[in-house]
Amino acid sequence: LLREYRGFDQADTSLETYSGGLPVRDLA
């Protein structure tokens, strides 16, 4: 769900969301 509307945990930075492209799995 969060991927779909927020682009969370996706590499697609073309999405109109600031979390798209953030490598969340690399963060502690």
mmCIF file of all heavy atoms, coordinates in Angstrom:
data_MODEL
# 
_entry.id   MODEL 
# 
loop_
_atom_site.group_PDB 
_atom_site.id 
_atom_site.type_symbol 
_atom_site.label_atom_id 
_atom_site.label_alt_id 
_atom_site.label_comp_id 
_atom_site.label_asym_id 
_atom_site.label_entity_id 
_atom_site.label_seq_id 
_atom_site.pdbx_PDB_ins_code 
_atom_site.Cartn_x 
_atom_site.Cartn_y 
_atom_site.Cartn_z 
_atom_site.occupancy 
_atom_site.B_iso_or_equiv 
_atom_site.pdbx_formal_charge 
_atom_site.auth_seq_id 
_atom_site.auth_comp_id 
_atom_site.auth_asym_id 
_atom_site.auth_atom_id 
_atom_site.pdbx_PDB_model_num 
ATOM 1   N N   . LEU A 1 1  ? 0.827  -1.204 0.000   1.00 0.00 ? 1  LEU A N   1 
ATOM 2   C CA  . LEU A 1 1  ? 0.000  0.000  0.000   1.00 0.00 ? 1  LEU A CA  1 
ATOM 3   C C   . LEU A 1 1  ? 0.866  1.260  0.000   1.00 0.00 ? 1  LEU A C   1 
ATOM 4   O O   . LEU A 1 1  ? 0.631  2.200  -0.772  1.00 0.00 ? 1  LEU A O   1 
ATOM 5   C CB  . LEU A 1 1  ? -0.921 0.008  1.221   1.00 0.00 ? 1  LEU A CB  1 
ATOM 6   C CG  . LEU A 1 1  ? -2.000 -1.071 1.301   1.00 0.00 ? 1  LEU A CG  1 
ATOM 7   C CD1 . LEU A 1 1  ? -2.733 -0.981 2.637   1.00 0.00 ? 1  LEU A CD1 1 
ATOM 8   C CD2 . LEU A 1 1  ? -2.984 -0.951 0.146   1.00 0.00 ? 1  LEU A CD2 1 
ATOM 9   N N   . LEU A 1 2  ? 1.866  1.281  0.867   1.00 0.00 ? 2  LEU A N   1 
ATOM 10  C CA  . LEU A 1 2  ? 2.706  2.472  0.980   1.00 0.00 ? 2  LEU A CA  1 
ATOM 11  C C   . LEU A 1 2  ? 3.529  2.684  -0.288  1.00 0.00 ? 2  LEU A C   1 
ATOM 12  O O   . LEU A 1 2  ? 3.772  3.820  -0.703  1.00 0.00 ? 2  LEU A O   1 
ATOM 13  C CB  . LEU A 1 2  ? 3.615  2.363  2.209   1.00 0.00 ? 2  LEU A CB  1 
ATOM 14  C CG  . LEU A 1 2  ? 4.225  3.677  2.726   1.00 0.00 ? 2  LEU A CG  1 
ATOM 15  C CD1 . LEU A 1 2  ? 3.145  4.703  3.040   1.00 0.00 ? 2  LEU A CD1 1 
ATOM 16  C CD2 . LEU A 1 2  ? 5.100  3.423  3.942   1.00 0.00 ? 2  LEU A CD2 1 
ATOM 17  N N   . ARG A 1 3  ? 3.931  1.596  -0.923  1.00 0.00 ? 3  ARG A N   1 
ATOM 18  C CA  . ARG A 1 3  ? 4.636  1.707  -2.198  1.00 0.00 ? 3  ARG A CA  1 
ATOM 19  C C   . ARG A 1 3  ? 3.744  2.341  -3.253  1.00 0.00 ? 3  ARG A C   1 
ATOM 20  O O   . ARG A 1 3  ? 4.171  3.196  -4.024  1.00 0.00 ? 3  ARG A O   1 
ATOM 21  C CB  . ARG A 1 3  ? 5.067  0.317  -2.683  1.00 0.00 ? 3  ARG A CB  1 
ATOM 22  C CG  . ARG A 1 3  ? 6.361  -0.200 -2.110  1.00 0.00 ? 3  ARG A CG  1 
ATOM 23  C CD  . ARG A 1 3  ? 6.632  -1.595 -2.617  1.00 0.00 ? 3  ARG A CD  1 
ATOM 24  N NE  . ARG A 1 3  ? 7.932  -2.089 -2.191  1.00 0.00 ? 3  ARG A NE  1 
ATOM 25  C CZ  . ARG A 1 3  ? 8.254  -3.376 -2.164  1.00 0.00 ? 3  ARG A CZ  1 
ATOM 26  N NH1 . ARG A 1 3  ? 7.360  -4.294 -2.522  1.00 0.00 ? 3  ARG A NH1 1 
ATOM 27  N NH2 . ARG A 1 3  ? 9.454  -3.750 -1.766  1.00 0.00 ? 3  ARG A NH2 1 
ATOM 28  N N   . GLU A 1 4  ? 2.487  1.928  -3.260  1.00 0.00 ? 4  GLU A N   1 
ATOM 29  C CA  . GLU A 1 4  ? 1.589  2.361  -4.321  1.00 0.00 ? 4  GLU A CA  1 
ATOM 30  C C   . GLU A 1 4  ? 1.306  3.855  -4.289  1.00 0.00 ? 4  GLU A C   1 
ATOM 31  O O   . GLU A 1 4  ? 1.340  4.527  -5.320  1.00 0.00 ? 4  GLU A O   1 
ATOM 32  C CB  . GLU A 1 4  ? 0.275  1.584  -4.253  1.00 0.00 ? 4  GLU A CB  1 
ATOM 33  C CG  . GLU A 1 4  ? -0.715 1.966  -5.331  1.00 0.00 ? 4  GLU A CG  1 
ATOM 34  C CD  . GLU A 1 4  ? -1.959 1.106  -5.353  1.00 0.00 ? 4  GLU A CD  1 
ATOM 35  O OE1 . GLU A 1 4  ? -1.964 0.038  -4.698  1.00 0.00 ? 4  GLU A OE1 1 
ATOM 36  O OE2 . GLU A 1 4  ? -2.936 1.504  -6.017  1.00 0.00 ? 4  GLU A OE2 1 
ATOM 37  N N   . TYR A 1 5  ? 1.009  4.400  -3.125  1.00 0.00 ? 5  TYR A N   1 
ATOM 38  C CA  . TYR A 1 5  ? 0.618  5.799  -3.116  1.00 0.00 ? 5  TYR A CA  1 
ATOM 39  C C   . TYR A 1 5  ? 1.701  6.754  -2.626  1.00 0.00 ? 5  TYR A C   1 
ATOM 40  O O   . TYR A 1 5  ? 1.563  7.972  -2.769  1.00 0.00 ? 5  TYR A O   1 
ATOM 41  C CB  . TYR A 1 5  ? -0.675 5.996  -2.304  1.00 0.00 ? 5  TYR A CB  1 
ATOM 42  C CG  . TYR A 1 5  ? -0.519 6.097  -0.806  1.00 0.00 ? 5  TYR A CG  1 
ATOM 43  C CD1 . TYR A 1 5  ? -0.489 7.336  -0.157  1.00 0.00 ? 5  TYR A CD1 1 
ATOM 44  C CD2 . TYR A 1 5  ? -0.420 4.956  -0.005  1.00 0.00 ? 5  TYR A CD2 1 
ATOM 45  C CE1 . TYR A 1 5  ? -0.368 7.435  1.214   1.00 0.00 ? 5  TYR A CE1 1 
ATOM 46  C CE2 . TYR A 1 5  ? -0.301 5.049  1.368   1.00 0.00 ? 5  TYR A CE2 1 
ATOM 47  C CZ  . TYR A 1 5  ? -0.273 6.286  1.973   1.00 0.00 ? 5  TYR A CZ  1 
ATOM 48  O OH  . TYR A 1 5  ? -0.150 6.376  3.331   1.00 0.00 ? 5  TYR A OH  1 
ATOM 49  N N   . ARG A 1 6  ? 2.790  6.203  -2.093  1.00 0.00 ? 6  ARG A N   1 
ATOM 50  C CA  . ARG A 1 6  ? 3.867  7.059  -1.602  1.00 0.00 ? 6  ARG A CA  1 
ATOM 51  C C   . ARG A 1 6  ? 5.215  6.784  -2.271  1.00 0.00 ? 6  ARG A C   1 
ATOM 52  O O   . ARG A 1 6  ? 6.181  7.501  -2.051  1.00 0.00 ? 6  ARG A O   1 
ATOM 53  C CB  . ARG A 1 6  ? 4.017  6.877  -0.089  1.00 0.00 ? 6  ARG A CB  1 
ATOM 54  C CG  . ARG A 1 6  ? 3.044  7.688  0.759   1.00 0.00 ? 6  ARG A CG  1 
ATOM 55  C CD  . ARG A 1 6  ? 3.266  9.167  0.604   1.00 0.00 ? 6  ARG A CD  1 
ATOM 56  N NE  . ARG A 1 6  ? 2.929  9.912  1.809   1.00 0.00 ? 6  ARG A NE  1 
ATOM 57  C CZ  . ARG A 1 6  ? 3.201  11.195 1.976   1.00 0.00 ? 6  ARG A CZ  1 
ATOM 58  N NH1 . ARG A 1 6  ? 3.814  11.869 1.040   1.00 0.00 ? 6  ARG A NH1 1 
ATOM 59  N NH2 . ARG A 1 6  ? 2.851  11.821 3.079   1.00 0.00 ? 6  ARG A NH2 1 
ATOM 60  N N   . GLY A 1 7  ? 5.289  5.719  -3.071  1.00 0.00 ? 7  GLY A N   1 
ATOM 61  C CA  . GLY A 1 7  ? 6.556  5.394  -3.712  1.00 0.00 ? 7  GLY A CA  1 
ATOM 62  C C   . GLY A 1 7  ? 7.599  4.868  -2.749  1.00 0.00 ? 7  GLY A C   1 
ATOM 63  O O   . GLY A 1 7  ? 8.784  4.789  -3.087  1.00 0.00 ? 7  GLY A O   1 
ATOM 64  N N   . PHE A 1 8  ? 7.181  4.485  -1.544  1.00 0.00 ? 8  PHE A N   1 
ATOM 65  C CA  . PHE A 1 8  ? 8.107  4.034  -0.502  1.00 0.00 ? 8  PHE A CA  1 
ATOM 66  C C   . PHE A 1 8  ? 8.796  2.739  -0.930  1.00 0.00 ? 8  PHE A C   1 
ATOM 67  O O   . PHE A 1 8  ? 8.171  1.829  -1.462  1.00 0.00 ? 8  PHE A O   1 
ATOM 68  C CB  . PHE A 1 8  ? 7.328  3.802  0.788   1.00 0.00 ? 8  PHE A CB  1 
ATOM 69  C CG  . PHE A 1 8  ? 8.167  3.572  2.009   1.00 0.00 ? 8  PHE A CG  1 
ATOM 70  C CD1 . PHE A 1 8  ? 8.686  4.644  2.722   1.00 0.00 ? 8  PHE A CD1 1 
ATOM 71  C CD2 . PHE A 1 8  ? 8.424  2.291  2.459   1.00 0.00 ? 8  PHE A CD2 1 
ATOM 72  C CE1 . PHE A 1 8  ? 9.455  4.442  3.857   1.00 0.00 ? 8  PHE A CE1 1 
ATOM 73  C CE2 . PHE A 1 8  ? 9.187  2.075  3.601   1.00 0.00 ? 8  PHE A CE2 1 
ATOM 74  C CZ  . PHE A 1 8  ? 9.707  3.155  4.297   1.00 0.00 ? 8  PHE A CZ  1 
ATOM 75  N N   . ASP A 1 9  ? 10.110 2.653  -0.714  1.00 0.00 ? 9  ASP A N   1 
ATOM 76  C CA  . ASP A 1 9  ? 10.894 1.447  -1.031  1.00 0.00 ? 9  ASP A CA  1 
ATOM 77  C C   . ASP A 1 9  ? 10.877 1.148  -2.531  1.00 0.00 ? 9  ASP A C   1 
ATOM 78  O O   . ASP A 1 9  ? 10.839 -0.001 -2.939  1.00 0.00 ? 9  ASP A O   1 
ATOM 79  C CB  . ASP A 1 9  ? 10.376 0.246  -0.230  1.00 0.00 ? 9  ASP A CB  1 
ATOM 80  C CG  . ASP A 1 9  ? 11.328 -0.947 -0.285  1.00 0.00 ? 9  ASP A CG  1 
ATOM 81  O OD1 . ASP A 1 9  ? 12.553 -0.726 -0.358  1.00 0.00 ? 9  ASP A OD1 1 
ATOM 82  O OD2 . ASP A 1 9  ? 10.841 -2.091 -0.267  1.00 0.00 ? 9  ASP A OD2 1 
ATOM 83  N N   . GLN A 1 10 ? 10.886 2.197  -3.339  1.00 0.00 ? 10 GLN A N   1 
ATOM 84  C CA  . GLN A 1 10 ? 10.959 2.022  -4.788  1.00 0.00 ? 10 GLN A CA  1 
ATOM 85  C C   . GLN A 1 10 ? 12.099 2.871  -5.333  1.00 0.00 ? 10 GLN A C   1 
ATOM 86  O O   . GLN A 1 10 ? 12.416 3.933  -4.798  1.00 0.00 ? 10 GLN A O   1 
ATOM 87  C CB  . GLN A 1 10 ? 9.655  2.455  -5.465  1.00 0.00 ? 10 GLN A CB  1 
ATOM 88  C CG  . GLN A 1 10 ? 8.482  1.553  -5.188  1.00 0.00 ? 10 GLN A CG  1 
ATOM 89  C CD  . GLN A 1 10 ? 7.349  1.782  -6.168  1.00 0.00 ? 10 GLN A CD  1 
ATOM 90  O OE1 . GLN A 1 10 ? 6.858  0.863  -6.780  1.00 0.00 ? 10 GLN A OE1 1 
ATOM 91  N NE2 . GLN A 1 10 ? 6.920  3.022  -6.307  1.00 0.00 ? 10 GLN A NE2 1 
ATOM 92  N N   . ALA A 1 11 ? 12.673 2.401  -6.429  1.00 0.00 ? 11 ALA A N   1 
ATOM 93  C CA  . ALA A 1 11 ? 13.771 3.143  -7.047  1.00 0.00 ? 11 ALA A CA  1 
ATOM 94  C C   . ALA A 1 11 ? 13.261 4.156  -8.062  1.00 0.00 ? 11 ALA A C   1 
ATOM 95  O O   . ALA A 1 11 ? 14.033 4.952  -8.593  1.00 0.00 ? 11 ALA A O   1 
ATOM 96  C CB  . ALA A 1 11 ? 14.729 2.169  -7.735  1.00 0.00 ? 11 ALA A CB  1 
ATOM 97  N N   . ASP A 1 12 ? 11.965 4.163  -8.324  1.00 0.00 ? 12 ASP A N   1 
ATOM 98  C CA  . ASP A 1 12 ? 11.379 5.026  -9.335  1.00 0.00 ? 12 ASP A CA  1 
ATOM 99  C C   . ASP A 1 12 ? 11.243 6.453  -8.801  1.00 0.00 ? 12 ASP A C   1 
ATOM 100 O O   . ASP A 1 12 ? 10.282 6.780  -8.117  1.00 0.00 ? 12 ASP A O   1 
ATOM 101 C CB  . ASP A 1 12 ? 10.001 4.487  -9.758  1.00 0.00 ? 12 ASP A CB  1 
ATOM 102 C CG  . ASP A 1 12 ? 9.395  5.303  -10.891 1.00 0.00 ? 12 ASP A CG  1 
ATOM 103 O OD1 . ASP A 1 12 ? 10.076 6.225  -11.379 1.00 0.00 ? 12 ASP A OD1 1 
ATOM 104 O OD2 . ASP A 1 12 ? 8.252  5.004  -11.281 1.00 0.00 ? 12 ASP A OD2 1 
ATOM 105 N N   . THR A 1 13 ? 12.197 7.300  -9.139  1.00 0.00 ? 13 THR A N   1 
ATOM 106 C CA  . THR A 1 13 ? 12.161 8.678  -8.653  1.00 0.00 ? 13 THR A CA  1 
ATOM 107 C C   . THR A 1 13 ? 11.278 9.566  -9.525  1.00 0.00 ? 13 THR A C   1 
ATOM 108 O O   . THR A 1 13 ? 11.147 10.759 -9.264  1.00 0.00 ? 13 THR A O   1 
ATOM 109 C CB  . THR A 1 13 ? 13.580 9.276  -8.615  1.00 0.00 ? 13 THR A CB  1 
ATOM 110 O OG1 . THR A 1 13 ? 14.163 9.174  -9.927  1.00 0.00 ? 13 THR A OG1 1 
ATOM 111 C CG2 . THR A 1 13 ? 14.453 8.548  -7.621  1.00 0.00 ? 13 THR A CG2 1 
ATOM 112 N N   . SER A 1 14 ? 10.653 9.006  -10.575 1.00 0.00 ? 14 SER A N   1 
ATOM 113 C CA  . SER A 1 14 ? 9.741  9.800  -11.388 1.00 0.00 ? 14 SER A CA  1 
ATOM 114 C C   . SER A 1 14 ? 8.408  10.000 -10.684 1.00 0.00 ? 14 SER A C   1 
ATOM 115 O O   . SER A 1 14 ? 7.610  10.852 -11.055 1.00 0.00 ? 14 SER A O   1 
ATOM 116 C CB  . SER A 1 14 ? 9.501  9.131  -12.747 1.00 0.00 ? 14 SER A CB  1 
ATOM 117 O OG  . SER A 1 14 ? 8.798  7.911  -12.595 1.00 0.00 ? 14 SER A OG  1 
ATOM 118 N N   . LEU A 1 15 ? 8.154  9.184  -9.658  1.00 0.00 ? 15 LEU A N   1 
ATOM 119 C CA  . LEU A 1 15 ? 6.939  9.352  -8.872  1.00 0.00 ? 15 LEU A CA  1 
ATOM 120 C C   . LEU A 1 15 ? 6.944  10.722 -8.214  1.00 0.00 ? 15 LEU A C   1 
ATOM 121 O O   . LEU A 1 15 ? 7.989  11.221 -7.804  1.00 0.00 ? 15 LEU A O   1 
ATOM 122 C CB  . LEU A 1 15 ? 6.841  8.265  -7.793  1.00 0.00 ? 15 LEU A CB  1 
ATOM 123 C CG  . LEU A 1 15 ? 6.541  6.842  -8.275  1.00 0.00 ? 15 LEU A CG  1 
ATOM 124 C CD1 . LEU A 1 15 ? 6.796  5.862  -7.148  1.00 0.00 ? 15 LEU A CD1 1 
ATOM 125 C CD2 . LEU A 1 15 ? 5.096  6.731  -8.738  1.00 0.00 ? 15 LEU A CD2 1 
ATOM 126 N N   . GLU A 1 16 ? 5.766  11.337 -8.124  1.00 0.00 ? 16 GLU A N   1 
ATOM 127 C CA  . GLU A 1 16 ? 5.682  12.654 -7.519  1.00 0.00 ? 16 GLU A CA  1 
ATOM 128 C C   . GLU A 1 16 ? 5.638  12.530 -5.998  1.00 0.00 ? 16 GLU A C   1 
ATOM 129 O O   . GLU A 1 16 ? 4.676  12.909 -5.348  1.00 0.00 ? 16 GLU A O   1 
ATOM 130 C CB  . GLU A 1 16 ? 4.451  13.399 -8.053  1.00 0.00 ? 16 GLU A CB  1 
ATOM 131 C CG  . GLU A 1 16 ? 4.545  13.737 -9.527  1.00 0.00 ? 16 GLU A CG  1 
ATOM 132 C CD  . GLU A 1 16 ? 3.361  14.537 -10.009 1.00 0.00 ? 16 GLU A CD  1 
ATOM 133 O OE1 . GLU A 1 16 ? 2.524  14.908 -9.182  1.00 0.00 ? 16 GLU A OE1 1 
ATOM 134 O OE2 . GLU A 1 16 ? 3.285  14.781 -11.219 1.00 0.00 ? 16 GLU A OE2 1 
ATOM 135 N N   . THR A 1 17 ? 6.679  11.976 -5.449  1.00 0.00 ? 17 THR A N   1 
ATOM 136 C CA  . THR A 1 17 ? 6.765  11.806 -3.997  1.00 0.00 ? 17 THR A CA  1 
ATOM 137 C C   . THR A 1 17 ? 8.230  11.812 -3.602  1.00 0.00 ? 17 THR A C   1 
ATOM 138 O O   . THR A 1 17 ? 9.077  11.263 -4.303  1.00 0.00 ? 17 THR A O   1 
ATOM 139 C CB  . THR A 1 17 ? 6.110  10.490 -3.546  1.00 0.00 ? 17 THR A CB  1 
ATOM 140 O OG1 . THR A 1 17 ? 6.417  10.258 -2.171  1.00 0.00 ? 17 THR A OG1 1 
ATOM 141 C CG2 . THR A 1 17 ? 6.613  9.309  -4.345  1.00 0.00 ? 17 THR A CG2 1 
ATOM 142 N N   . TYR A 1 18 ? 8.515  12.444 -2.492  1.00 0.00 ? 18 TYR A N   1 
ATOM 143 C CA  . TYR A 1 18 ? 9.908  12.561 -2.064  1.00 0.00 ? 18 TYR A CA  1 
ATOM 144 C C   . TYR A 1 18 ? 10.480 11.256 -1.542  1.00 0.00 ? 18 TYR A C   1 
ATOM 145 O O   . TYR A 1 18 ? 11.686 11.078 -1.491  1.00 0.00 ? 18 TYR A O   1 
ATOM 146 C CB  . TYR A 1 18 ? 10.041 13.653 -0.999  1.00 0.00 ? 18 TYR A CB  1 
ATOM 147 C CG  . TYR A 1 18 ? 9.105  13.510 0.170   1.00 0.00 ? 18 TYR A CG  1 
ATOM 148 C CD1 . TYR A 1 18 ? 9.449  12.769 1.277   1.00 0.00 ? 18 TYR A CD1 1 
ATOM 149 C CD2 . TYR A 1 18 ? 7.858  14.125 0.162   1.00 0.00 ? 18 TYR A CD2 1 
ATOM 150 C CE1 . TYR A 1 18 ? 8.588  12.632 2.347   1.00 0.00 ? 18 TYR A CE1 1 
ATOM 151 C CE2 . TYR A 1 18 ? 6.995  13.999 1.226   1.00 0.00 ? 18 TYR A CE2 1 
ATOM 152 C CZ  . TYR A 1 18 ? 7.356  13.255 2.321   1.00 0.00 ? 18 TYR A CZ  1 
ATOM 153 O OH  . TYR A 1 18 ? 6.488  13.114 3.373   1.00 0.00 ? 18 TYR A OH  1 
ATOM 154 N N   . SER A 1 19 ? 9.617  10.299 -1.136  1.00 0.00 ? 19 SER A N   1 
ATOM 155 C CA  . SER A 1 19 ? 10.152 9.039  -0.619  1.00 0.00 ? 19 SER A CA  1 
ATOM 156 C C   . SER A 1 19 ? 10.523 8.074  -1.746  1.00 0.00 ? 19 SER A C   1 
ATOM 157 O O   . SER A 1 19 ? 11.232 7.102  -1.525  1.00 0.00 ? 19 SER A O   1 
ATOM 158 C CB  . SER A 1 19 ? 9.149  8.369  0.331   1.00 0.00 ? 19 SER A CB  1 
ATOM 159 O OG  . SER A 1 19 ? 7.928  8.091  -0.336  1.00 0.00 ? 19 SER A OG  1 
ATOM 160 N N   . GLY A 1 20 ? 10.037 8.338  -2.964  1.00 0.00 ? 20 GLY A N   1 
ATOM 161 C CA  . GLY A 1 20 ? 10.446 7.511  -4.096  1.00 0.00 ? 20 GLY A CA  1 
ATOM 162 C C   . GLY A 1 20 ? 11.928 7.697  -4.359  1.00 0.00 ? 20 GLY A C   1 
ATOM 163 O O   . GLY A 1 20 ? 12.398 8.817  -4.508  1.00 0.00 ? 20 GLY A O   1 
ATOM 164 N N   . GLY A 1 21 ? 12.672 6.633  -4.392  1.00 0.00 ? 21 GLY A N   1 
ATOM 165 C CA  . GLY A 1 21 ? 14.109 6.715  -4.615  1.00 0.00 ? 21 GLY A CA  1 
ATOM 166 C C   . GLY A 1 21 ? 14.933 6.689  -3.342  1.00 0.00 ? 21 GLY A C   1 
ATOM 167 O O   . GLY A 1 21 ? 16.143 6.477  -3.395  1.00 0.00 ? 21 GLY A O   1 
ATOM 168 N N   . LEU A 1 22 ? 14.305 6.923  -2.185  1.00 0.00 ? 22 LEU A N   1 
ATOM 169 C CA  . LEU A 1 22 ? 15.045 6.847  -0.923  1.00 0.00 ? 22 LEU A CA  1 
ATOM 170 C C   . LEU A 1 22 ? 15.343 5.379  -0.618  1.00 0.00 ? 22 LEU A C   1 
ATOM 171 O O   . LEU A 1 22 ? 14.423 4.569  -0.512  1.00 0.00 ? 22 LEU A O   1 
ATOM 172 C CB  . LEU A 1 22 ? 14.211 7.452  0.212   1.00 0.00 ? 22 LEU A CB  1 
ATOM 173 C CG  . LEU A 1 22 ? 14.814 7.354  1.625   1.00 0.00 ? 22 LEU A CG  1 
ATOM 174 C CD1 . LEU A 1 22 ? 16.099 8.164  1.711   1.00 0.00 ? 22 LEU A CD1 1 
ATOM 175 C CD2 . LEU A 1 22 ? 13.796 7.834  2.664   1.00 0.00 ? 22 LEU A CD2 1 
ATOM 176 N N   . PRO A 1 23 ? 16.614 5.017  -0.500  1.00 0.00 ? 23 PRO A N   1 
ATOM 177 C CA  . PRO A 1 23 ? 16.953 3.603  -0.251  1.00 0.00 ? 23 PRO A CA  1 
ATOM 178 C C   . PRO A 1 23 ? 16.693 3.222  1.206   1.00 0.00 ? 23 PRO A C   1 
ATOM 179 O O   . PRO A 1 23 ? 17.610 3.077  2.012   1.00 0.00 ? 23 PRO A O   1 
ATOM 180 C CB  . PRO A 1 23 ? 18.443 3.535  -0.598  1.00 0.00 ? 23 PRO A CB  1 
ATOM 181 C CG  . PRO A 1 23 ? 18.951 4.913  -0.306  1.00 0.00 ? 23 PRO A CG  1 
ATOM 182 C CD  . PRO A 1 23 ? 17.823 5.848  -0.640  1.00 0.00 ? 23 PRO A CD  1 
ATOM 183 N N   . VAL A 1 24 ? 15.426 3.045  1.539   1.00 0.00 ? 24 VAL A N   1 
ATOM 184 C CA  . VAL A 1 24 ? 15.026 2.876  2.934   1.00 0.00 ? 24 VAL A CA  1 
ATOM 185 C C   . VAL A 1 24 ? 15.660 1.662  3.597   1.00 0.00 ? 24 VAL A C   1 
ATOM 186 O O   . VAL A 1 24 ? 15.823 1.629  4.818   1.00 0.00 ? 24 VAL A O   1 
ATOM 187 C CB  . VAL A 1 24 ? 13.491 2.807  3.057   1.00 0.00 ? 24 VAL A CB  1 
ATOM 188 C CG1 . VAL A 1 24 ? 12.876 4.146  2.697   1.00 0.00 ? 24 VAL A CG1 1 
ATOM 189 C CG2 . VAL A 1 24 ? 12.910 1.685  2.183   1.00 0.00 ? 24 VAL A CG2 1 
ATOM 190 N N   . ARG A 1 25 ? 16.028 0.665  2.794   1.00 0.00 ? 25 ARG A N   1 
ATOM 191 C CA  . ARG A 1 25 ? 16.631 -0.541 3.369   1.00 0.00 ? 25 ARG A CA  1 
ATOM 192 C C   . ARG A 1 25 ? 18.098 -0.333 3.738   1.00 0.00 ? 25 ARG A C   1 
ATOM 193 O O   . ARG A 1 25 ? 18.695 -1.173 4.412   1.00 0.00 ? 25 ARG A O   1 
ATOM 194 C CB  . ARG A 1 25 ? 16.475 -1.723 2.409   1.00 0.00 ? 25 ARG A CB  1 
ATOM 195 C CG  . ARG A 1 25 ? 15.011 -2.097 2.180   1.00 0.00 ? 25 ARG A CG  1 
ATOM 196 C CD  . ARG A 1 25 ? 14.822 -3.239 1.202   1.00 0.00 ? 25 ARG A CD  1 
ATOM 197 N NE  . ARG A 1 25 ? 13.411 -3.441 0.925   1.00 0.00 ? 25 ARG A NE  1 
ATOM 198 C CZ  . ARG A 1 25 ? 12.599 -4.210 1.656   1.00 0.00 ? 25 ARG A CZ  1 
ATOM 199 N NH1 . ARG A 1 25 ? 13.090 -4.850 2.696   1.00 0.00 ? 25 ARG A NH1 1 
ATOM 200 N NH2 . ARG A 1 25 ? 11.330 -4.338 1.344   1.00 0.00 ? 25 ARG A NH2 1 
ATOM 201 N N   . ASP A 1 26 ? 18.667 0.765  3.285   1.00 0.00 ? 26 ASP A N   1 
ATOM 202 C CA  . ASP A 1 26 ? 20.044 1.087  3.646   1.00 0.00 ? 26 ASP A CA  1 
ATOM 203 C C   . ASP A 1 26 ? 20.130 1.951  4.905   1.00 0.00 ? 26 ASP A C   1 
ATOM 204 O O   . ASP A 1 26 ? 21.225 2.241  5.387   1.00 0.00 ? 26 ASP A O   1 
ATOM 205 C CB  . ASP A 1 26 ? 20.733 1.839  2.501   1.00 0.00 ? 26 ASP A CB  1 
ATOM 206 C CG  . ASP A 1 26 ? 20.929 0.968  1.269   1.00 0.00 ? 26 ASP A CG  1 
ATOM 207 O OD1 . ASP A 1 26 ? 20.911 -0.271 1.413   1.00 0.00 ? 26 ASP A OD1 1 
ATOM 208 O OD2 . ASP A 1 26 ? 21.083 1.530  0.171   1.00 0.00 ? 26 ASP A OD2 1 
ATOM 209 N N   . LEU A 1 27 ? 18.989 2.357  5.425   1.00 0.00 ? 27 LEU A N   1 
ATOM 210 C CA  . LEU A 1 27 ? 18.963 3.196  6.616   1.00 0.00 ? 27 LEU A CA  1 
ATOM 211 C C   . LEU A 1 27 ? 18.867 2.346  7.872   1.00 0.00 ? 27 LEU A C   1 
ATOM 212 O O   . LEU A 1 27 ? 18.240 1.287  7.869   1.00 0.00 ? 27 LEU A O   1 
ATOM 213 C CB  . LEU A 1 27 ? 17.771 4.164  6.583   1.00 0.00 ? 27 LEU A CB  1 
ATOM 214 C CG  . LEU A 1 27 ? 17.930 5.476  5.806   1.00 0.00 ? 27 LEU A CG  1 
ATOM 215 C CD1 . LEU A 1 27 ? 18.238 5.218  4.331   1.00 0.00 ? 27 LEU A CD1 1 
ATOM 216 C CD2 . LEU A 1 27 ? 16.673 6.327  5.940   1.00 0.00 ? 27 LEU A CD2 1 
ATOM 217 N N   . ALA A 1 28 ? 19.511 2.799  8.930   1.00 0.00 ? 28 ALA A N   1 
ATOM 218 C CA  . ALA A 1 28 ? 19.324 2.189  10.254  1.00 0.00 ? 28 ALA A CA  1 
ATOM 219 C C   . ALA A 1 28 ? 18.148 2.906  10.896  1.00 0.00 ? 28 ALA A C   1 
ATOM 220 O O   . ALA A 1 28 ? 18.167 4.130  11.045  1.00 0.00 ? 28 ALA A O   1 
ATOM 221 C CB  . ALA A 1 28 ? 20.579 2.350  11.101  1.00 0.00 ? 28 ALA A CB  1 
# 
